[in-house]
Amino acid sequence: MNLLVLTPDELLADGTARLAGRRLAHAREVWNAQAGDRLRAGVLGGATGGAEILAVDEDALLVRLELTDPPPPRPGVDLVLAMPRPKALKRMLSAIAQLGVDRVVLLGASRVERSYFGSPVLEAASLRSALLEGLEQARDTVLPDVIVRERFRPFVEDELDTLFPAPARRLLAHPHVETGLSAIPLAPRSVLAVGPEGGWVPFELDLLVAQGFTPFSLGPRVLRTETLVPYLLGALRT
């Protein structure tokens, strides 16, 4: 945890906040926090800055916040991700938040197991916990929006243009093309589509290309989704 993230309702009118639970445990057990220490802190969806510890005991961490800085700049990237295995998704959500993705669509596809959409990982509390872990690591306060859609075609044909309007650059990761990512012109915003580990089926590829996605490849290596997604998001930040 590199940033103490608070919700707006936790910040009192006098600029203090009283915290318990996981954040208190981390402050005591990892930071060995003492009264007078200063920490990095931020309010969810808002500014970051410093927090002075006023008191700490077994019951609560009392801090006074001075929030003067904006959250880190965002790279202007959205993600359309064929729903991965739930265990992999939980790890990936933290990376997605760390790298500043604005929106992620978890999408059904022909090679996605339908049972994945019944996973507890998709419960609101679980999603929020994984994303918050990423924000705390990256010293960010802006949660990505997570949109879950089980049906591929209705989303691509009916919702995609509304969520990701032009002139966003639409990119389609696909191993069986010669075009590299560096050959595709830059744009202020990018939408990245990543398929399941078995790949998009031809119908899905054709429909995405018809909606303006440009296929590109990273070369001959076939990567797991949980490796590929952070790699590509990092590349799009450069």
C-alpha atoms as a PDB file:
ATOM      1  CA  MET A   1       0.000   0.000   0.000  1.00  0.00           C
ATOM      2  CA  ASN A   2       1.649   3.210  -1.242  1.00  0.00           C
ATOM      3  CA  LEU A   3      -1.401   5.411  -0.776  1.00  0.00           C
ATOM      4  CA  LEU A   4      -3.983   5.544   1.991  1.00  0.00           C
ATOM      5  CA  VAL A   5      -7.244   5.762   0.011  1.00  0.00           C
ATOM      6  CA  LEU A   6     -10.328   7.167   1.732  1.00  0.00           C
ATOM      7  CA  THR A   7     -13.892   7.520   0.530  1.00  0.00           C
ATOM      8  CA  PRO A   8     -15.366  11.047   0.488  1.00  0.00           C
ATOM      9  CA  ASP A   9     -17.781  10.261   3.328  1.00  0.00           C
ATOM     10  CA  GLU A  10     -14.864   9.361   5.626  1.00  0.00           C
ATOM     11  CA  LEU A  11     -13.371  12.851   5.435  1.00  0.00           C
ATOM     12  CA  LEU A  12     -14.816  15.044   8.183  1.00  0.00           C
ATOM     13  CA  ALA A  13     -15.407  18.791   7.981  1.00  0.00           C
ATOM     14  CA  ASP A  14     -12.276  19.567   9.990  1.00  0.00           C
ATOM     15  CA  GLY A  15     -10.068  17.659   7.535  1.00  0.00           C
ATOM     16  CA  THR A  16      -9.603  14.597   9.729  1.00  0.00           C
ATOM     17  CA  ALA A  17     -10.636  10.985   9.272  1.00  0.00           C
ATOM     18  CA  ARG A  18     -10.890   8.024  11.629  1.00  0.00           C
ATOM     19  CA  LEU A  19     -10.021   4.692  10.007  1.00  0.00           C
ATOM     20  CA  ALA A  20     -10.189   1.080  11.154  1.00  0.00           C
ATOM     21  CA  GLY A  21     -10.072  -2.392   9.639  1.00  0.00           C
ATOM     22  CA  ARG A  22      -7.572  -3.253   6.902  1.00  0.00           C
ATOM     23  CA  ARG A  23      -6.019   0.204   6.672  1.00  0.00           C
ATOM     24  CA  LEU A  24      -5.480   0.401  10.427  1.00  0.00           C
ATOM     25  CA  ALA A  25      -3.893  -3.061  10.418  1.00  0.00           C
ATOM     26  CA  HIS A  26      -1.578  -2.107   7.551  1.00  0.00           C
ATOM     27  CA  ALA A  27      -0.558   1.149   9.233  1.00  0.00           C
ATOM     28  CA  ARG A  28       0.277  -0.599  12.487  1.00  0.00           C
ATOM     29  CA  GLU A  29       1.777  -3.848  11.232  1.00  0.00           C
ATOM     30  CA  VAL A  30       3.542  -2.784   8.022  1.00  0.00           C
ATOM     31  CA  TRP A  31       4.253   0.919   8.452  1.00  0.00           C
ATOM     32  CA  ASN A  32       4.690   0.715  12.245  1.00  0.00           C
ATOM     33  CA  ALA A  33       2.827   4.047  12.266  1.00  0.00           C
ATOM     34  CA  GLN A  34       3.195   6.417  15.187  1.00  0.00           C
ATOM     35  CA  ALA A  35       1.569   9.731  16.084  1.00  0.00           C
ATOM     36  CA  GLY A  36       3.350  12.492  14.173  1.00  0.00           C
ATOM     37  CA  ASP A  37       4.243  10.311  11.155  1.00  0.00           C
ATOM     38  CA  ARG A  38       3.193  11.455   7.704  1.00  0.00           C
ATOM     39  CA  LEU A  39       1.708   9.237   5.010  1.00  0.00           C
ATOM     40  CA  ARG A  40       0.634   9.620   1.392  1.00  0.00           C
ATOM     41  CA  ALA A  41      -3.168   9.739   1.135  1.00  0.00           C
ATOM     42  CA  GLY A  42      -5.986  10.521  -1.249  1.00  0.00           C
ATOM     43  CA  VAL A  43      -9.761  10.630  -1.514  1.00  0.00           C
ATOM     44  CA  LEU A  44     -11.427   8.273  -3.961  1.00  0.00           C
ATOM     45  CA  GLY A  45     -12.186  10.171  -7.145  1.00  0.00           C
ATOM     46  CA  GLY A  46     -10.357  13.247  -5.886  1.00  0.00           C
ATOM     47  CA  ALA A  47      -7.053  14.765  -4.849  1.00  0.00           C
ATOM     48  CA  THR A  48      -3.993  13.251  -3.227  1.00  0.00           C
ATOM     49  CA  GLY A  49      -1.521  14.651  -0.738  1.00  0.00           C
ATOM     50  CA  GLY A  50      -0.300  14.046   2.785  1.00  0.00           C
ATOM     51  CA  ALA A  51      -1.841  12.701   5.958  1.00  0.00           C
ATOM     52  CA  GLU A  52      -0.484  13.403   9.419  1.00  0.00           C
ATOM     53  CA  ILE A  53      -1.155  10.698  11.984  1.00  0.00           C
ATOM     54  CA  LEU A  54      -2.755  12.310  15.031  1.00  0.00           C
ATOM     55  CA  ALA A  55      -3.259   9.095  16.980  1.00  0.00           C
ATOM     56  CA  VAL A  56      -3.098   5.349  16.454  1.00  0.00           C
ATOM     57  CA  ASP A  57      -4.202   2.516  18.733  1.00  0.00           C
ATOM     58  CA  GLU A  58      -5.855  -0.887  18.500  1.00  0.00           C
ATOM     59  CA  ASP A  59      -9.209   0.621  17.564  1.00  0.00           C
ATOM     60  CA  ALA A  60      -8.542   3.383  15.044  1.00  0.00           C
ATOM     61  CA  LEU A  61      -6.118   5.439  13.015  1.00  0.00           C
ATOM     62  CA  LEU A  62      -6.811   9.172  13.313  1.00  0.00           C
ATOM     63  CA  VAL A  63      -5.321  11.297  10.524  1.00  0.00           C
ATOM     64  CA  ARG A  64      -5.449  14.902   9.332  1.00  0.00           C
ATOM     65  CA  LEU A  65      -5.345  15.227   5.546  1.00  0.00           C
ATOM     66  CA  GLU A  66      -3.837  17.937   3.354  1.00  0.00           C
ATOM     67  CA  LEU A  67      -4.881  17.081  -0.196  1.00  0.00           C
ATOM     68  CA  THR A  68      -3.321  19.448  -2.714  1.00  0.00           C
ATOM     69  CA  ASP A  69      -2.319  17.324  -5.716  1.00  0.00           C
ATOM     70  CA  PRO A  70      -4.340  15.854  -8.567  1.00  0.00           C
ATOM     71  CA  PRO A  71      -4.245  12.095  -9.177  1.00  0.00           C
ATOM     72  CA  PRO A  72      -1.720  10.848 -11.756  1.00  0.00           C
ATOM     73  CA  PRO A  73      -2.450  11.678 -15.413  1.00  0.00           C
ATOM     74  CA  ARG A  74      -4.416   9.039 -17.267  1.00  0.00           C
ATOM     75  CA  PRO A  75      -3.193   7.462 -20.515  1.00  0.00           C
ATOM     76  CA  GLY A  76      -6.573   7.562 -22.266  1.00  0.00           C
ATOM     77  CA  VAL A  77      -7.002   3.788 -22.589  1.00  0.00           C
ATOM     78  CA  ASP A  78     -10.131   1.632 -22.404  1.00  0.00           C
ATOM     79  CA  LEU A  79     -10.179  -2.166 -22.501  1.00  0.00           C
ATOM     80  CA  VAL A  80     -12.576  -4.678 -24.049  1.00  0.00           C
ATOM     81  CA  LEU A  81     -11.542  -7.970 -22.477  1.00  0.00           C
ATOM     82  CA  ALA A  82     -12.995 -11.391 -23.187  1.00  0.00           C
ATOM     83  CA  MET A  83     -13.874 -12.645 -19.727  1.00  0.00           C
ATOM     84  CA  PRO A  84     -10.802 -14.514 -18.387  1.00  0.00           C
ATOM     85  CA  ARG A  85     -10.643 -17.252 -15.790  1.00  0.00           C
ATOM     86  CA  PRO A  86     -11.864 -15.727 -12.496  1.00  0.00           C
ATOM     87  CA  LYS A  87      -8.597 -16.383 -10.646  1.00  0.00           C
ATOM     88  CA  ALA A  88      -6.659 -14.627 -13.384  1.00  0.00           C
ATOM     89  CA  LEU A  89      -9.170 -11.780 -13.517  1.00  0.00           C
ATOM     90  CA  LYS A  90      -8.721 -10.992  -9.844  1.00  0.00           C
ATOM     91  CA  ARG A  91      -4.997 -10.460 -10.399  1.00  0.00           C
ATOM     92  CA  MET A  92      -5.551  -8.538 -13.608  1.00  0.00           C
ATOM     93  CA  LEU A  93      -7.980  -6.060 -12.064  1.00  0.00           C
ATOM     94  CA  SER A  94      -5.256  -4.717  -9.798  1.00  0.00           C
ATOM     95  CA  ALA A  95      -2.944  -4.201 -12.797  1.00  0.00           C
ATOM     96  CA  ILE A  96      -5.764  -2.555 -14.768  1.00  0.00           C
ATOM     97  CA  ALA A  97      -6.265  -0.011 -11.976  1.00  0.00           C
ATOM     98  CA  GLN A  98      -2.527   0.521 -11.540  1.00  0.00           C
ATOM     99  CA  LEU A  99      -2.105   1.372 -15.217  1.00  0.00           C
ATOM    100  CA  GLY A 100      -4.915   3.930 -15.295  1.00  0.00           C
ATOM    101  CA  VAL A 101      -7.506   2.226 -17.503  1.00  0.00           C
ATOM    102  CA  ASP A 102     -10.698   4.296 -17.586  1.00  0.00           C
ATOM    103  CA  ARG A 103     -13.201   1.580 -18.519  1.00  0.00           C
ATOM    104  CA  VAL A 104     -13.011  -2.172 -18.876  1.00  0.00           C
ATOM    105  CA  VAL A 105     -15.718  -4.280 -20.508  1.00  0.00           C
ATOM    106  CA  LEU A 106     -15.680  -7.939 -19.452  1.00  0.00           C
ATOM    107  CA  LEU A 107     -17.229  -9.585 -22.472  1.00  0.00           C
ATOM    108  CA  GLY A 108     -18.575 -12.994 -23.334  1.00  0.00           C
ATOM    109  CA  ALA A 109     -17.172 -14.782 -26.389  1.00  0.00           C
ATOM    110  CA  SER A 110     -17.476 -18.181 -28.051  1.00  0.00           C
ATOM    111  CA  ARG A 111     -14.418 -19.496 -26.212  1.00  0.00           C
ATOM    112  CA  VAL A 112     -15.364 -18.078 -22.824  1.00  0.00           C
ATOM    113  CA  GLU A 113     -16.901 -20.431 -20.282  1.00  0.00           C
ATOM    114  CA  ARG A 114     -20.363 -19.143 -19.354  1.00  0.00           C
ATOM    115  CA  SER A 115     -19.804 -20.253 -15.768  1.00  0.00           C
ATOM    116  CA  TYR A 116     -17.180 -17.496 -15.404  1.00  0.00           C
ATOM    117  CA  PHE A 117     -19.972 -14.913 -15.239  1.00  0.00           C
ATOM    118  CA  GLY A 118     -21.313 -16.506 -12.062  1.00  0.00           C
ATOM    119  CA  SER A 119     -18.016 -16.099 -10.234  1.00  0.00           C
ATOM    120  CA  PRO A 120     -17.915 -14.231  -6.894  1.00  0.00           C
ATOM    121  CA  VAL A 121     -15.049 -12.203  -8.393  1.00  0.00           C
ATOM    122  CA  LEU A 122     -17.702 -10.213 -10.298  1.00  0.00           C
ATOM    123  CA  GLU A 123     -19.564  -9.224  -7.143  1.00  0.00           C
ATOM    124  CA  ALA A 124     -19.356  -5.489  -6.509  1.00  0.00           C
ATOM    125  CA  ALA A 125     -17.396  -5.797  -3.270  1.00  0.00           C
ATOM    126  CA  SER A 126     -14.841  -8.150  -4.816  1.00  0.00           C
ATOM    127  CA  LEU A 127     -14.331  -5.945  -7.888  1.00  0.00           C
ATOM    128  CA  ARG A 128     -13.915  -2.865  -5.727  1.00  0.00           C
ATOM    129  CA  SER A 129     -11.411  -4.568  -3.430  1.00  0.00           C
ATOM    130  CA  ALA A 130      -9.194  -5.687  -6.317  1.00  0.00           C
ATOM    131  CA  LEU A 131      -9.322  -2.277  -8.004  1.00  0.00           C
ATOM    132  CA  LEU A 132      -8.588  -0.439  -4.752  1.00  0.00           C
ATOM    133  CA  GLU A 133      -5.509  -2.589  -4.275  1.00  0.00           C
ATOM    134  CA  GLY A 134      -4.286  -1.325  -7.646  1.00  0.00           C
ATOM    135  CA  LEU A 135      -5.013   2.309  -6.784  1.00  0.00           C
ATOM    136  CA  GLU A 136      -3.148   2.003  -3.491  1.00  0.00           C
ATOM    137  CA  GLN A 137      -0.131   0.584  -5.294  1.00  0.00           C
ATOM    138  CA  ALA A 138      -0.089   3.254  -8.028  1.00  0.00           C
ATOM    139  CA  ARG A 139      -0.951   6.229  -5.767  1.00  0.00           C
ATOM    140  CA  ASP A 140      -4.094   6.869  -7.785  1.00  0.00           C
ATOM    141  CA  THR A 141      -7.646   7.663  -6.686  1.00  0.00           C
ATOM    142  CA  VAL A 142      -9.711   7.103  -9.851  1.00  0.00           C
ATOM    143  CA  LEU A 143     -11.502   3.759 -10.038  1.00  0.00           C
ATOM    144  CA  PRO A 144     -11.932   2.226 -13.498  1.00  0.00           C
ATOM    145  CA  ASP A 145     -15.519   1.600 -14.563  1.00  0.00           C
ATOM    146  CA  VAL A 146     -16.196  -2.134 -14.949  1.00  0.00           C
ATOM    147  CA  ILE A 147     -18.952  -3.173 -17.357  1.00  0.00           C
ATOM    148  CA  VAL A 148     -19.991  -6.838 -17.649  1.00  0.00           C
ATOM    149  CA  ARG A 149     -21.632  -8.088 -20.838  1.00  0.00           C
ATOM    150  CA  GLU A 150     -22.215 -11.798 -21.431  1.00  0.00           C
ATOM    151  CA  ARG A 151     -23.392 -11.502 -25.048  1.00  0.00           C
ATOM    152  CA  PHE A 152     -20.778 -10.557 -27.625  1.00  0.00           C
ATOM    153  CA  ARG A 153     -22.765  -9.512 -30.672  1.00  0.00           C
ATOM    154  CA  PRO A 154     -25.355  -7.232 -28.976  1.00  0.00           C
ATOM    155  CA  PHE A 155     -22.563  -5.377 -27.193  1.00  0.00           C
ATOM    156  CA  VAL A 156     -20.404  -4.883 -30.288  1.00  0.00           C
ATOM    157  CA  GLU A 157     -23.288  -3.885 -32.552  1.00  0.00           C
ATOM    158  CA  ASP A 158     -25.448  -1.876 -30.148  1.00  0.00           C
ATOM    159  CA  GLU A 159     -23.290  -0.458 -27.347  1.00  0.00           C
ATOM    160  CA  LEU A 160     -19.699  -0.184 -28.462  1.00  0.00           C
ATOM    161  CA  ASP A 161     -20.044   3.055 -30.448  1.00  0.00           C
ATOM    162  CA  THR A 162     -21.816   4.770 -27.570  1.00  0.00           C
ATOM    163  CA  LEU A 163     -19.200   3.772 -24.999  1.00  0.00           C
ATOM    164  CA  PHE A 164     -16.199   4.380 -27.236  1.00  0.00           C
ATOM    165  CA  PRO A 165     -17.106   7.059 -29.795  1.00  0.00           C
ATOM    166  CA  ALA A 166     -14.816   8.272 -32.559  1.00  0.00           C
ATOM    167  CA  PRO A 167     -12.056   9.360 -32.838  1.00  0.00           C
ATOM    168  CA  ALA A 168     -10.779   6.753 -30.358  1.00  0.00           C
ATOM    169  CA  ARG A 169      -8.206   4.410 -31.910  1.00  0.00           C
ATOM    170  CA  ARG A 170      -9.564   0.844 -31.906  1.00  0.00           C
ATOM    171  CA  LEU A 171      -6.936  -1.863 -31.517  1.00  0.00           C
ATOM    172  CA  LEU A 172      -7.389  -5.623 -31.750  1.00  0.00           C
ATOM    173  CA  ALA A 173      -4.670  -7.880 -30.320  1.00  0.00           C
ATOM    174  CA  HIS A 174      -4.359 -10.892 -32.630  1.00  0.00           C
ATOM    175  CA  PRO A 175      -1.302 -13.117 -33.111  1.00  0.00           C
ATOM    176  CA  HIS A 176      -1.895 -14.064 -36.741  1.00  0.00           C
ATOM    177  CA  VAL A 177      -1.221 -10.733 -38.479  1.00  0.00           C
ATOM    178  CA  GLU A 178       2.026  -9.021 -39.513  1.00  0.00           C
ATOM    179  CA  THR A 179       1.169  -5.474 -38.404  1.00  0.00           C
ATOM    180  CA  GLY A 180       2.899  -4.407 -35.198  1.00  0.00           C
ATOM    181  CA  LEU A 181       1.507  -1.960 -32.660  1.00  0.00           C
ATOM    182  CA  SER A 182       4.114   0.669 -33.566  1.00  0.00           C
ATOM    183  CA  ALA A 183       2.809   0.770 -37.160  1.00  0.00           C
ATOM    184  CA  ILE A 184      -0.643   1.997 -36.087  1.00  0.00           C
ATOM    185  CA  PRO A 185      -1.002   5.821 -35.851  1.00  0.00           C
ATOM    186  CA  LEU A 186      -1.325   7.330 -32.392  1.00  0.00           C
ATOM    187  CA  ALA A 187      -4.530   8.909 -31.069  1.00  0.00           C
ATOM    188  CA  PRO A 188      -5.516  10.710 -27.834  1.00  0.00           C
ATOM    189  CA  ARG A 189      -7.636   7.721 -26.808  1.00  0.00           C
ATOM    190  CA  SER A 190      -7.280   4.007 -27.510  1.00  0.00           C
ATOM    191  CA  VAL A 191      -9.694   1.101 -27.096  1.00  0.00           C
ATOM    192  CA  LEU A 192      -7.891  -2.225 -26.806  1.00  0.00           C
ATOM    193  CA  ALA A 193      -9.725  -5.503 -27.494  1.00  0.00           C
ATOM    194  CA  VAL A 194      -8.130  -8.661 -26.098  1.00  0.00           C
ATOM    195  CA  GLY A 195      -9.657 -12.075 -26.736  1.00  0.00           C
ATOM    196  CA  PRO A 196      -9.805 -15.264 -24.670  1.00  0.00           C
ATOM    197  CA  GLU A 197      -6.762 -17.506 -24.440  1.00  0.00           C
ATOM    198  CA  GLY A 198      -8.247 -19.665 -27.198  1.00  0.00           C
ATOM    199  CA  GLY A 199      -8.567 -16.554 -29.359  1.00  0.00           C
ATOM    200  CA  TRP A 200     -11.502 -14.819 -31.005  1.00  0.00           C
ATOM    201  CA  VAL A 201     -13.393 -17.045 -33.470  1.00  0.00           C
ATOM    202  CA  PRO A 202     -13.519 -15.804 -37.102  1.00  0.00           C
ATOM    203  CA  PHE A 203     -17.033 -14.367 -36.729  1.00  0.00           C
ATOM    204  CA  GLU A 204     -15.926 -12.285 -33.722  1.00  0.00           C
ATOM    205  CA  LEU A 205     -12.796 -11.072 -35.494  1.00  0.00           C
ATOM    206  CA  ASP A 206     -14.775 -10.071 -38.562  1.00  0.00           C
ATOM    207  CA  LEU A 207     -17.351  -8.185 -36.492  1.00  0.00           C
ATOM    208  CA  LEU A 208     -14.699  -6.276 -34.537  1.00  0.00           C
ATOM    209  CA  VAL A 209     -12.848  -5.367 -37.732  1.00  0.00           C
ATOM    210  CA  ALA A 210     -16.145  -4.198 -39.243  1.00  0.00           C
ATOM    211  CA  GLN A 211     -16.502  -1.890 -36.228  1.00  0.00           C
ATOM    212  CA  GLY A 212     -13.146  -0.269 -36.982  1.00  0.00           C
ATOM    213  CA  PHE A 213     -10.726  -2.341 -34.920  1.00  0.00           C
ATOM    214  CA  THR A 214      -7.256  -2.693 -36.426  1.00  0.00           C
ATOM    215  CA  PRO A 215      -5.612  -6.084 -35.774  1.00  0.00           C
ATOM    216  CA  PHE A 216      -1.996  -6.063 -34.616  1.00  0.00           C
ATOM    217  CA  SER A 217       0.483  -8.613 -33.344  1.00  0.00           C
ATOM    218  CA  LEU A 218       3.321  -8.698 -30.831  1.00  0.00           C
ATOM    219  CA  GLY A 219       5.132 -11.387 -32.790  1.00  0.00           C
ATOM    220  CA  PRO A 220       5.154 -15.185 -32.755  1.00  0.00           C
ATOM    221  CA  ARG A 221       4.890 -15.707 -28.997  1.00  0.00           C
ATOM    222  CA  VAL A 222       1.463 -16.714 -27.692  1.00  0.00           C
ATOM    223  CA  LEU A 223       0.954 -15.155 -24.258  1.00  0.00           C
ATOM    224  CA  ARG A 224      -1.509 -15.826 -21.478  1.00  0.00           C
ATOM    225  CA  THR A 225      -4.120 -13.114 -21.102  1.00  0.00           C
ATOM    226  CA  GLU A 226      -2.871 -12.150 -17.653  1.00  0.00           C
ATOM    227  CA  THR A 227       0.598 -11.553 -19.152  1.00  0.00           C
ATOM    228  CA  LEU A 228      -0.602  -9.912 -22.347  1.00  0.00           C
ATOM    229  CA  VAL A 229      -2.930  -7.322 -20.846  1.00  0.00           C
ATOM    230  CA  PRO A 230      -0.403  -5.561 -18.535  1.00  0.00           C
ATOM    231  CA  TYR A 231       2.208  -5.731 -21.312  1.00  0.00           C
ATOM    232  CA  LEU A 232      -0.077  -4.023 -23.832  1.00  0.00           C
ATOM    233  CA  LEU A 233      -1.373  -1.444 -21.367  1.00  0.00           C
ATOM    234  CA  GLY A 234       2.212  -0.534 -20.542  1.00  0.00           C
ATOM    235  CA  ALA A 235       3.032  -0.214 -24.235  1.00  0.00           C
ATOM    236  CA  LEU A 236       0.068   2.105 -24.799  1.00  0.00           C
ATOM    237  CA  ARG A 237       1.294   4.419 -22.037  1.00  0.00           C
ATOM    238  CA  THR A 238       4.574   5.142 -23.833  1.00  0.00           C
END
